[in-house]
Amino acid sequence: MRDFQDILKALKVHLANNKHVKVYDKDVASSLGITQMNFATLKRRNSIPYENIINFCKKEGLCCSDVFFD
């Protein structure tokens, strides 16, 4: 199982969609339906918002295994 930083990287790669654009934490937070402040707190605590990520994966048609596992 990946830690928060690795999951964040996987989400940023998906959001960038193979384009050469910079994806910020605020973009990930917005995509997950989390406020920037709440996302920063979760990141600092290394606490993974599983429900939000699963809902995002379902909405985007992304396999959760690609996000949570190596």
C-alpha atoms as a PDB file:
ATOM      1  CA  MET A   1       0.000   0.000   0.000  1.00  0.00           C
ATOM      2  CA  ARG A   2       1.265   3.451  -0.898  1.00  0.00           C
ATOM      3  CA  ASP A   3       1.620   6.288   1.574  1.00  0.00           C
ATOM      4  CA  PHE A   4      -0.058   9.676   1.205  1.00  0.00           C
ATOM      5  CA  GLN A   5       2.740  11.219  -0.877  1.00  0.00           C
ATOM      6  CA  ASP A   6       2.734   8.367  -3.403  1.00  0.00           C
ATOM      7  CA  ILE A   7      -1.056   8.456  -3.685  1.00  0.00           C
ATOM      8  CA  LEU A   8      -0.854  12.217  -4.213  1.00  0.00           C
ATOM      9  CA  LYS A   9       1.671  11.692  -7.026  1.00  0.00           C
ATOM     10  CA  ALA A  10      -0.589   9.113  -8.693  1.00  0.00           C
ATOM     11  CA  LEU A  11      -3.548  11.500  -8.544  1.00  0.00           C
ATOM     12  CA  LYS A  12      -1.465  14.345  -9.967  1.00  0.00           C
ATOM     13  CA  VAL A  13      -0.307  12.142 -12.857  1.00  0.00           C
ATOM     14  CA  HIS A  14      -3.918  11.262 -13.631  1.00  0.00           C
ATOM     15  CA  LEU A  15      -5.026  14.902 -13.449  1.00  0.00           C
ATOM     16  CA  ALA A  16      -2.157  16.024 -15.692  1.00  0.00           C
ATOM     17  CA  ASN A  17      -3.377  13.474 -18.250  1.00  0.00           C
ATOM     18  CA  ASN A  18       0.051  13.083 -19.892  1.00  0.00           C
ATOM     19  CA  LYS A  19       0.266  16.799 -20.603  1.00  0.00           C
ATOM     20  CA  HIS A  20       3.170  18.898 -19.495  1.00  0.00           C
ATOM     21  CA  VAL A  21       1.189  20.921 -16.983  1.00  0.00           C
ATOM     22  CA  LYS A  22       1.870  21.461 -13.311  1.00  0.00           C
ATOM     23  CA  VAL A  23      -0.842  20.057 -11.048  1.00  0.00           C
ATOM     24  CA  TYR A  24      -0.931  21.652  -7.614  1.00  0.00           C
ATOM     25  CA  ASP A  25      -2.250  20.357  -4.317  1.00  0.00           C
ATOM     26  CA  LYS A  26      -5.192  22.743  -4.616  1.00  0.00           C
ATOM     27  CA  ASP A  27      -6.152  21.054  -7.905  1.00  0.00           C
ATOM     28  CA  VAL A  28      -6.123  17.645  -6.245  1.00  0.00           C
ATOM     29  CA  ALA A  29      -8.118  18.968  -3.283  1.00  0.00           C
ATOM     30  CA  SER A  30     -10.714  20.462  -5.595  1.00  0.00           C
ATOM     31  CA  SER A  31     -10.981  17.227  -7.586  1.00  0.00           C
ATOM     32  CA  LEU A  32     -11.506  15.261  -4.388  1.00  0.00           C
ATOM     33  CA  GLY A  33     -14.121  17.705  -3.106  1.00  0.00           C
ATOM     34  CA  ILE A  34     -11.991  18.786  -0.147  1.00  0.00           C
ATOM     35  CA  THR A  35     -11.139  22.326   0.893  1.00  0.00           C
ATOM     36  CA  GLN A  36      -7.523  23.373   0.498  1.00  0.00           C
ATOM     37  CA  MET A  37      -7.199  23.867   4.243  1.00  0.00           C
ATOM     38  CA  ASN A  38      -8.586  20.414   5.029  1.00  0.00           C
ATOM     39  CA  PHE A  39      -6.344  18.863   2.376  1.00  0.00           C
ATOM     40  CA  ALA A  40      -3.283  20.572   3.864  1.00  0.00           C
ATOM     41  CA  THR A  41      -4.200  19.197   7.293  1.00  0.00           C
ATOM     42  CA  LEU A  42      -4.639  15.686   5.890  1.00  0.00           C
ATOM     43  CA  LYS A  43      -1.300  15.949   4.090  1.00  0.00           C
ATOM     44  CA  ARG A  44       0.506  17.154   7.208  1.00  0.00           C
ATOM     45  CA  ARG A  45      -0.977  14.288   9.242  1.00  0.00           C
ATOM     46  CA  ASN A  46      -0.316  11.783   6.443  1.00  0.00           C
ATOM     47  CA  SER A  47      -4.004  10.846   6.646  1.00  0.00           C
ATOM     48  CA  ILE A  48      -5.483   9.423   3.454  1.00  0.00           C
ATOM     49  CA  PRO A  49      -9.058  10.501   2.547  1.00  0.00           C
ATOM     50  CA  TYR A  50     -10.096   7.074   1.248  1.00  0.00           C
ATOM     51  CA  GLU A  51     -13.771   7.848   0.649  1.00  0.00           C
ATOM     52  CA  ASN A  52     -12.993  10.969  -1.373  1.00  0.00           C
ATOM     53  CA  ILE A  53     -10.381   9.158  -3.460  1.00  0.00           C
ATOM     54  CA  ILE A  54     -12.687   6.215  -4.144  1.00  0.00           C
ATOM     55  CA  ASN A  55     -15.486   8.570  -5.223  1.00  0.00           C
ATOM     56  CA  PHE A  56     -13.021  10.404  -7.477  1.00  0.00           C
ATOM     57  CA  CYS A  57     -11.857   7.133  -9.030  1.00  0.00           C
ATOM     58  CA  LYS A  58     -15.445   6.083  -9.684  1.00  0.00           C
ATOM     59  CA  LYS A  59     -16.262   9.438 -11.289  1.00  0.00           C
ATOM     60  CA  GLU A  60     -13.117   9.396 -13.456  1.00  0.00           C
ATOM     61  CA  GLY A  61     -13.276   5.694 -14.354  1.00  0.00           C
ATOM     62  CA  LEU A  62      -9.906   5.149 -12.697  1.00  0.00           C
ATOM     63  CA  CYS A  63      -8.999   1.859 -11.048  1.00  0.00           C
ATOM     64  CA  CYS A  64      -8.475   2.308  -7.306  1.00  0.00           C
ATOM     65  CA  SER A  65      -5.701  -0.281  -7.373  1.00  0.00           C
ATOM     66  CA  ASP A  66      -3.660   2.017  -9.607  1.00  0.00           C
ATOM     67  CA  VAL A  67      -3.907   4.741  -6.973  1.00  0.00           C
ATOM     68  CA  PHE A  68      -3.540   2.773  -3.727  1.00  0.00           C
ATOM     69  CA  PHE A  69      -1.083   0.036  -4.740  1.00  0.00           C
ATOM     70  CA  ASP A  70       2.242  -0.103  -6.580  1.00  0.00           C
END
